[in-house]
Amino acid sequence: MGKIKLGIIGIGNMGSNYATKVTNGECPDFELVAVADISPKRQQWAKENLKETVKIFTTAEEMLDSGMLDACMVETPHYDHPHYAIECIKRGIHVMIDKPAGVYTKQIREMNECAAAHPEVKFGVMFNQRTNCVYRKMRELIQSGKYGNIRRTNWIITDWYRPQVYYDSGSWRATWAGEGGGVLLNQSPHQLDMWQWICGMPKKVYANMKFGQWHDIEVEDDVTCFVEYENGATGTFITTTGDACGSNRFEVQMDKAKLLVEHNRLHVWEFEMSEPEFTKTCTSPFGYPKTQEYDPETDGENPQHVGVINAWGKAILEGTPMVADGAEGINGVMLSNAMHLSAFTGKTVELPFDEDLYYEELQKRVQASKKKDNVVEITAKMDQSWRR
């Protein structure tokens, strides 16, 4: 096949970053042949910073219909990820979407159905944190079964601090119509994905959410969520863009160990005896299981975005696994949707939740949003022409 001819839809912050990585040779299986962006400013950036051989299109559809592409990356605002993924898939173009997979699960299900109908297309999602050796090792240990059942999970991810000027930098930012949510849709999708990737999906969700608590925005910038798993284990997820000195601490308590990731280090307290066995046999009222502490050995690899792109390239050329199949993108969005629905209604939400109700509640906020343009019309209706 030779090099994979790549196009990128949207060359803003992330799209331009990927374009630069490909043209610099960091993704050797790919050749950047085209980009598309509706912004004259970004088109000018492409003219000034990319090779002359890279064709610049003013619309995504024109680029997708050009016949130039084998593969395409979608780097647009969140609502459009499923729309352009479908446009690629139905044309037989391999596609990688950025996180989140979409804003609401109904549109992502439509995208996933389209992908399932075209298994020849390699469809991935940019979950670059899954390449981090620390989290990969944590998942390996938890899912191996050697430490028994999960009893509690806690993730505090509050080092996403953003000043007001960040939100003022674009009219679509932090609006229901432009972005579809706040910290859960923009900053924390990676952690929501890894939380479920490592620990599994919960069954119940209750969220306390503050909208515009720390900034002049209409969406959430402060979230405290409580979840319950099928086996009765519980978990919390806390995130915000308002803490000037935040934390990133992920802790999982199990029958025979406690695992902690903090400061990009995995530390394990391994119990000599599992807690369920210890509590039944211990004869001291203040007894405590003996533990052995250690830092598990990892492979040291953390290739991030380049690793995801290169694994996608190998999947296209050789059929090897991707870092994250695009269909998996629905799980993190399901969690964020459930959290939003809980905050909207003030009730505990059970998974699977009422997706129609969530969409209705979201649309109420979209219609009242400060951002009023064609984003609403484009994203409220999914293109189902692939069905025909």
Protein backbone atom coordinates (compact mmCIF):
# COMPACT_ATOMS: atom_id res chain seq x y z
CA MET A 1 0.00 0.00 0.00
CA GLY A 2 2.92 2.37 0.62
CA LYS A 3 2.38 5.37 2.86
CA ILE A 4 -1.14 6.06 4.07
CA LYS A 5 -2.45 9.27 2.51
CA LEU A 6 -3.81 11.31 5.40
CA GLY A 7 -6.18 14.25 5.64
CA ILE A 8 -7.09 16.28 8.71
CA ILE A 9 -10.45 17.98 9.27
CA GLY A 10 -9.86 21.01 11.48
CA ILE A 11 -6.39 22.43 11.99
CA GLY A 12 -6.86 24.34 15.20
CA ASN A 13 -4.81 23.54 18.30
CA MET A 14 -4.85 19.74 18.02
CA GLY A 15 -5.20 19.42 14.25
CA SER A 16 -2.16 21.61 13.63
CA ASN A 17 -0.25 19.66 16.27
CA TYR A 18 -0.94 16.35 14.50
CA ALA A 19 -0.18 17.88 11.10
CA THR A 20 3.20 18.98 12.40
CA LYS A 21 3.98 15.58 13.90
CA VAL A 22 3.17 13.79 10.65
CA THR A 23 5.14 16.19 8.46
CA ASN A 24 8.08 15.98 10.88
CA GLY A 25 8.23 12.22 10.32
CA GLU A 26 7.06 11.13 13.78
CA CYS A 27 4.35 8.98 12.16
CA PRO A 28 6.30 7.24 9.38
CA ASP A 29 3.38 5.22 7.96
CA PHE A 30 1.51 8.41 7.04
CA GLU A 31 1.87 11.14 4.44
CA LEU A 32 -0.14 14.31 5.03
CA VAL A 33 -1.72 15.16 1.69
CA ALA A 34 -4.62 17.47 2.62
CA VAL A 35 -6.23 19.52 5.36
CA ALA A 36 -9.64 21.18 5.63
CA ASP A 37 -10.74 24.13 7.73
CA ILE A 38 -13.47 26.74 7.30
CA SER A 39 -11.35 29.42 9.02
CA PRO A 40 -9.32 31.66 6.67
CA LYS A 41 -6.88 32.20 9.54
CA ARG A 42 -6.22 28.47 9.89
CA GLN A 43 -6.00 28.07 6.12
CA GLN A 44 -3.30 30.73 6.14
CA TRP A 45 -1.48 28.89 8.89
CA ALA A 46 -1.50 25.77 6.72
CA LYS A 47 -0.08 27.69 3.76
CA GLU A 48 2.72 29.08 5.89
CA ASN A 49 3.60 25.96 7.91
CA LEU A 50 2.85 22.87 5.84
CA LYS A 51 4.52 21.54 2.72
CA GLU A 52 3.42 22.95 -0.61
CA THR A 53 2.24 19.46 -1.59
CA VAL A 54 -0.44 19.54 1.12
CA LYS A 55 -3.72 20.64 -0.48
CA ILE A 56 -5.88 23.00 1.56
CA PHE A 57 -9.66 22.65 1.37
CA THR A 58 -12.28 25.05 2.71
CA THR A 59 -14.80 22.29 3.48
CA ALA A 60 -14.41 18.77 4.84
CA GLU A 61 -16.79 17.30 2.28
CA GLU A 62 -14.75 18.66 -0.62
CA MET A 63 -11.63 17.03 0.81
CA LEU A 64 -13.38 13.72 1.53
CA ASP A 65 -14.77 13.62 -2.03
CA SER A 66 -11.41 14.46 -3.62
CA GLY A 67 -10.26 10.84 -3.80
CA MET A 68 -6.94 11.86 -2.25
CA LEU A 69 -7.34 10.19 1.14
CA ASP A 70 -6.83 6.74 2.60
CA ALA A 71 -7.36 7.99 6.15
CA CYS A 72 -8.60 11.07 7.97
CA MET A 73 -8.36 12.60 11.45
CA VAL A 74 -11.32 14.58 12.82
CA GLU A 75 -10.22 17.58 14.93
CA THR A 76 -13.40 19.64 15.12
CA PRO A 77 -15.62 20.81 18.01
CA HIS A 78 -17.16 17.86 19.87
CA TYR A 79 -20.60 17.81 18.30
CA ASP A 80 -19.13 17.16 14.86
CA HIS A 81 -16.98 14.15 15.72
CA PRO A 82 -19.69 11.55 14.93
CA HIS A 83 -20.92 13.49 11.89
CA TYR A 84 -17.54 13.53 10.17
CA ALA A 85 -16.68 10.02 11.29
CA ILE A 86 -19.76 8.79 9.44
CA GLU A 87 -18.84 10.87 6.40
CA CYS A 88 -15.44 9.16 6.34
CA ILE A 89 -16.70 5.65 7.05
CA LYS A 90 -19.36 5.64 4.35
CA ARG A 91 -16.67 6.66 1.84
CA GLY A 92 -14.37 3.84 2.96
CA ILE A 93 -11.86 6.25 4.53
CA HIS A 94 -10.14 5.08 7.72
CA VAL A 95 -10.89 7.54 10.50
CA MET A 96 -9.51 8.66 13.85
CA ILE A 97 -11.65 10.99 15.95
CA ASP A 98 -10.42 13.02 18.88
CA LYS A 99 -11.94 12.80 22.33
CA PRO A 100 -14.71 12.91 23.31
CA ALA A 101 -16.37 10.59 20.81
CA GLY A 102 -19.34 12.95 20.78
CA VAL A 103 -21.54 14.95 23.10
CA TYR A 104 -24.40 12.52 23.69
CA THR A 105 -24.69 8.76 23.42
CA LYS A 106 -27.48 8.73 20.84
CA GLN A 107 -25.24 10.30 18.18
CA ILE A 108 -22.35 8.01 19.14
CA ARG A 109 -24.54 4.91 18.79
CA GLU A 110 -25.39 6.05 15.26
CA MET A 111 -21.68 6.43 14.50
CA ASN A 112 -20.87 3.02 15.98
CA GLU A 113 -23.63 1.34 13.96
CA CYS A 114 -22.18 2.86 10.81
CA ALA A 115 -18.69 1.62 11.74
CA ALA A 116 -20.02 -1.88 12.45
CA ALA A 117 -21.56 -1.96 8.96
CA HIS A 118 -18.12 -1.17 7.48
CA PRO A 119 -15.60 -3.40 9.31
CA GLU A 120 -13.06 -2.79 6.54
CA VAL A 121 -12.62 0.77 7.85
CA LYS A 122 -10.21 1.17 10.78
CA PHE A 123 -12.03 3.47 13.18
CA GLY A 124 -10.15 4.73 16.23
CA VAL A 125 -10.48 7.28 19.00
CA MET A 126 -7.66 9.40 20.43
CA PHE A 127 -7.37 8.04 23.96
CA ASN A 128 -3.67 8.77 24.24
CA GLN A 129 -3.59 8.31 28.02
CA ARG A 130 -4.10 4.58 27.45
CA THR A 131 -0.52 4.48 26.14
CA ASN A 132 0.89 5.51 29.54
CA CYS A 133 2.80 2.54 31.01
CA VAL A 134 1.69 3.46 34.54
CA TYR A 135 -2.02 3.16 33.76
CA ARG A 136 -1.48 0.14 31.52
CA LYS A 137 0.25 -1.66 34.40
CA MET A 138 -2.48 -0.61 36.84
CA ARG A 139 -5.12 -2.08 34.53
CA GLU A 140 -3.10 -5.26 34.06
CA LEU A 141 -2.82 -5.83 37.81
CA ILE A 142 -6.47 -5.08 38.55
CA GLN A 143 -7.83 -7.21 35.74
CA SER A 144 -5.46 -10.13 36.42
CA GLY A 145 -7.60 -11.17 39.39
CA LYS A 146 -4.58 -11.59 41.70
CA TYR A 147 -5.90 -8.93 44.09
CA GLY A 148 -9.51 -10.05 44.16
CA ASN A 149 -12.44 -7.69 43.79
CA ILE A 150 -12.52 -3.92 43.59
CA ARG A 151 -13.97 -2.43 46.78
CA ARG A 152 -13.57 1.30 46.18
CA THR A 153 -12.28 3.66 43.47
CA ASN A 154 -11.42 7.32 43.94
CA TRP A 155 -10.13 9.72 41.31
CA ILE A 156 -9.55 13.36 42.09
CA ILE A 157 -8.47 15.12 38.92
CA THR A 158 -8.48 18.83 39.69
CA ASP A 159 -5.26 19.99 38.03
CA TRP A 160 -7.20 21.24 34.98
CA TYR A 161 -7.05 24.87 36.12
CA ARG A 162 -8.22 27.36 33.48
CA PRO A 163 -8.43 31.17 33.86
CA GLN A 164 -11.33 33.12 32.38
CA VAL A 165 -9.29 34.15 29.32
CA TYR A 166 -9.20 30.49 28.24
CA TYR A 167 -12.99 30.45 27.97
CA ASP A 168 -13.06 33.84 26.30
CA SER A 169 -10.74 32.63 23.52
CA GLY A 170 -13.56 31.14 21.43
CA SER A 171 -17.32 31.74 21.20
CA TRP A 172 -18.00 27.99 21.15
CA ARG A 173 -16.09 27.28 24.35
CA ALA A 174 -17.98 26.33 27.52
CA THR A 175 -21.41 26.68 25.89
CA TRP A 176 -24.13 24.06 25.59
CA ALA A 177 -24.58 24.68 21.87
CA GLY A 178 -20.91 24.98 21.00
CA GLU A 179 -19.29 22.38 23.24
CA GLY A 180 -22.10 20.42 24.88
CA GLY A 181 -20.61 20.59 28.35
CA GLY A 182 -17.67 21.81 30.38
CA VAL A 183 -14.92 20.05 32.29
CA LEU A 184 -16.46 16.60 31.71
CA LEU A 185 -16.55 17.06 27.92
CA ASN A 186 -13.35 19.05 27.43
CA GLN A 187 -10.73 18.33 30.08
CA SER A 188 -11.70 15.02 31.75
CA PRO A 189 -12.76 12.61 28.96
CA HIS A 190 -9.39 10.84 29.22
CA GLN A 191 -9.89 10.14 32.92
CA LEU A 192 -13.50 9.06 32.43
CA ASP A 193 -12.32 6.66 29.73
CA MET A 194 -9.49 5.23 31.83
CA TRP A 195 -11.65 5.01 34.95
CA GLN A 196 -14.02 2.62 33.17
CA TRP A 197 -11.20 1.00 31.12
CA ILE A 198 -9.37 0.06 34.31
CA CYS A 199 -12.23 -0.48 36.77
CA GLY A 200 -15.29 -1.21 34.61
CA MET A 201 -18.56 0.66 34.23
CA PRO A 202 -20.66 1.47 37.31
CA LYS A 203 -24.37 0.74 37.60
CA LYS A 204 -25.49 3.85 39.48
CA VAL A 205 -24.36 7.48 39.24
CA TYR A 206 -25.14 10.49 41.41
CA ALA A 207 -23.49 13.84 40.67
CA ASN A 208 -23.36 17.21 42.37
CA MET A 209 -22.43 19.66 39.65
CA LYS A 210 -21.85 23.43 39.64
CA PHE A 211 -22.43 25.41 36.45
CA GLY A 212 -20.29 28.52 36.12
CA GLN A 213 -19.20 28.22 39.73
CA TRP A 214 -15.70 29.61 39.19
CA HIS A 215 -15.96 31.22 35.74
CA ASP A 216 -18.37 33.27 33.65
CA ILE A 217 -19.57 30.24 31.65
CA GLU A 218 -22.85 28.36 31.27
CA VAL A 219 -21.58 24.78 31.64
CA GLU A 220 -20.08 22.79 34.52
CA ASP A 221 -16.72 23.73 35.98
CA ASP A 222 -17.01 21.78 39.25
CA VAL A 223 -18.12 18.13 39.60
CA THR A 224 -18.32 15.70 42.51
CA CYS A 225 -19.71 12.31 41.53
CA PHE A 226 -20.53 9.14 43.49
CA VAL A 227 -20.95 5.78 41.73
CA GLU A 228 -21.86 2.23 42.68
CA TYR A 229 -20.68 -0.89 40.85
CA GLU A 230 -22.47 -4.18 40.21
CA ASN A 231 -20.63 -5.92 43.08
CA GLY A 232 -21.54 -3.17 45.57
CA ALA A 233 -18.20 -1.39 45.36
CA THR A 234 -18.35 2.39 45.37
CA GLY A 235 -16.37 5.16 43.72
CA THR A 236 -15.95 8.90 43.51
CA PHE A 237 -14.86 11.16 40.67
CA ILE A 238 -14.01 14.78 41.44
CA THR A 239 -12.96 17.30 38.82
CA THR A 240 -12.88 21.06 38.25
CA THR A 241 -11.16 23.80 36.29
CA GLY A 242 -11.30 26.14 39.29
CA ASP A 243 -8.57 24.79 41.59
CA ALA A 244 -5.41 26.88 41.23
CA CYS A 245 -3.35 24.14 42.87
CA GLY A 246 -5.12 20.94 41.89
CA SER A 247 -4.36 17.23 42.23
CA ASN A 248 -4.34 14.11 40.09
CA ARG A 249 -4.71 11.12 42.39
CA PHE A 250 -6.27 7.79 41.37
CA GLU A 251 -6.70 5.18 44.10
CA VAL A 252 -8.24 1.71 43.90
CA GLN A 253 -8.85 -0.38 47.03
CA MET A 254 -9.12 -4.14 46.44
CA ASP A 255 -9.49 -7.28 48.54
CA LYS A 256 -5.75 -7.90 48.65
CA ALA A 257 -4.12 -4.60 47.69
CA LYS A 258 -4.36 -0.87 47.36
CA LEU A 259 -3.12 0.71 44.13
CA LEU A 260 -2.32 4.40 43.79
CA VAL A 261 -1.29 6.48 40.79
CA GLU A 262 -0.03 9.96 41.61
CA HIS A 263 2.74 12.10 40.10
CA ASN A 264 2.94 9.58 37.24
CA ARG A 265 4.01 6.83 39.64
CA LEU A 266 2.20 3.57 40.42
CA HIS A 267 2.58 2.38 44.01
CA VAL A 268 1.07 -0.82 45.41
CA TRP A 269 0.39 -1.94 48.97
CA GLU A 270 0.01 -5.72 48.69
CA PHE A 271 -1.66 -7.47 51.64
CA GLU A 272 -0.16 -10.67 53.02
CA MET A 273 -3.72 -11.97 53.45
CA SER A 274 -6.86 -10.78 51.67
CA GLU A 275 -9.00 -8.48 53.80
CA PRO A 276 -12.10 -10.73 53.71
CA GLU A 277 -10.00 -13.60 55.10
CA PHE A 278 -8.10 -11.39 57.55
CA THR A 279 -11.16 -9.82 59.14
CA LYS A 280 -12.62 -13.29 59.83
CA THR A 281 -9.48 -14.74 61.39
CA CYS A 282 -7.84 -11.76 63.13
CA THR A 283 -7.88 -12.06 66.96
CA SER A 284 -6.75 -8.51 67.75
CA PRO A 285 -9.44 -5.79 67.89
CA PHE A 286 -6.95 -3.35 66.37
CA GLY A 287 -5.29 -5.79 64.02
CA TYR A 288 -4.15 -4.71 60.59
CA PRO A 289 -3.15 -6.80 57.57
CA LYS A 290 0.59 -6.93 56.95
CA THR A 291 1.55 -5.26 53.70
CA GLN A 292 4.43 -5.18 51.30
CA GLU A 293 4.91 -1.95 49.38
CA TYR A 294 6.42 -1.78 45.93
CA ASP A 295 6.41 0.09 42.62
CA PRO A 296 5.53 -2.40 39.88
CA GLU A 297 7.95 -2.57 36.99
CA THR A 298 6.60 -1.17 33.71
CA ASP A 299 7.95 -1.12 30.18
CA GLY A 300 8.59 2.62 30.57
CA GLU A 301 6.76 3.45 27.34
CA ASN A 302 4.41 6.45 27.12
CA PRO A 303 4.15 7.47 23.44
CA GLN A 304 0.89 9.41 23.87
CA HIS A 305 -0.69 10.89 20.68
CA VAL A 306 2.05 9.64 18.37
CA GLY A 307 1.63 6.15 19.81
CA VAL A 308 -2.11 6.19 19.07
CA ILE A 309 -1.56 7.42 15.50
CA ASN A 310 1.19 4.90 14.80
CA ALA A 311 -0.86 2.00 16.18
CA TRP A 312 -3.72 3.14 13.93
CA GLY A 313 -1.33 3.12 10.98
CA LYS A 314 -0.22 -0.43 11.76
CA ALA A 315 -3.87 -1.48 12.08
CA ILE A 316 -4.52 -0.11 8.57
CA LEU A 317 -1.43 -1.70 7.03
CA GLU A 318 -1.09 -4.92 9.01
CA GLY A 319 -4.37 -5.50 10.85
CA THR A 320 -2.83 -5.20 14.32
CA PRO A 321 -4.84 -3.81 17.28
CA MET A 322 -5.35 -0.09 17.83
CA VAL A 323 -4.86 1.62 21.17
CA ALA A 324 -8.61 2.27 21.33
CA ASP A 325 -11.27 1.13 18.89
CA GLY A 326 -13.65 3.97 18.05
CA ALA A 327 -16.63 2.02 19.33
CA GLU A 328 -15.19 2.23 22.86
CA GLY A 329 -15.60 6.00 22.87
CA ILE A 330 -19.22 5.67 23.97
CA ASN A 331 -18.32 4.50 27.49
CA GLY A 332 -16.76 7.71 28.78
CA VAL A 333 -19.52 9.80 27.20
CA MET A 334 -22.09 7.50 28.82
CA LEU A 335 -20.53 8.33 32.17
CA SER A 336 -20.49 12.08 31.53
CA ASN A 337 -24.08 12.00 30.20
CA ALA A 338 -25.20 10.09 33.30
CA MET A 339 -23.48 12.64 35.54
CA HIS A 340 -25.12 15.52 33.70
CA LEU A 341 -28.54 13.86 33.81
CA SER A 342 -28.15 13.27 37.54
CA ALA A 343 -27.27 16.94 38.05
CA PHE A 344 -30.10 18.10 35.78
CA THR A 345 -32.72 16.01 37.63
CA GLY A 346 -31.23 15.88 41.12
CA LYS A 347 -31.63 12.09 41.09
CA THR A 348 -29.48 8.98 41.03
CA VAL A 349 -29.18 7.67 37.46
CA GLU A 350 -28.97 3.96 36.70
CA LEU A 351 -27.05 2.69 33.68
CA PRO A 352 -28.23 2.18 31.02
CA PHE A 353 -30.06 5.50 31.41
CA ASP A 354 -32.89 7.13 29.43
CA GLU A 355 -30.95 8.53 26.45
CA ASP A 356 -34.01 10.29 25.05
CA LEU A 357 -34.52 12.13 28.33
CA TYR A 358 -30.88 13.19 28.38
CA TYR A 359 -31.11 14.47 24.81
CA GLU A 360 -34.26 16.45 25.68
CA GLU A 361 -32.58 18.01 28.72
CA LEU A 362 -29.47 18.84 26.70
CA GLN A 363 -31.55 20.47 23.95
CA LYS A 364 -33.29 22.71 26.48
CA ARG A 365 -29.90 24.08 27.40
CA VAL A 366 -28.74 24.25 23.80
CA GLN A 367 -31.74 26.37 22.86
CA ALA A 368 -31.01 28.79 25.71
CA SER A 369 -27.27 28.85 25.00
CA LYS A 370 -25.25 32.00 24.35
CA LYS A 371 -23.82 30.28 21.31
CA LYS A 372 -26.56 30.41 18.66
CA ASP A 373 -25.59 29.35 15.15
CA ASN A 374 -25.89 26.38 12.83
CA VAL A 375 -24.14 24.05 15.28
CA VAL A 376 -27.52 23.09 16.71
CA GLU A 377 -29.06 22.18 13.34
CA ILE A 378 -26.01 20.27 12.17
CA THR A 379 -25.65 18.14 15.26
CA ALA A 380 -29.27 17.55 16.18
CA LYS A 381 -29.74 15.51 13.00
CA MET A 382 -27.39 12.63 12.26
CA ASP A 383 -26.64 11.74 8.65
CA GLN A 384 -28.05 8.24 8.09
CA SER A 385 -27.30 8.02 4.38
CA TRP A 386 -24.89 5.17 5.12
CA ARG A 387 -27.92 2.99 5.83
CA ARG A 388 -29.08 3.19 2.24
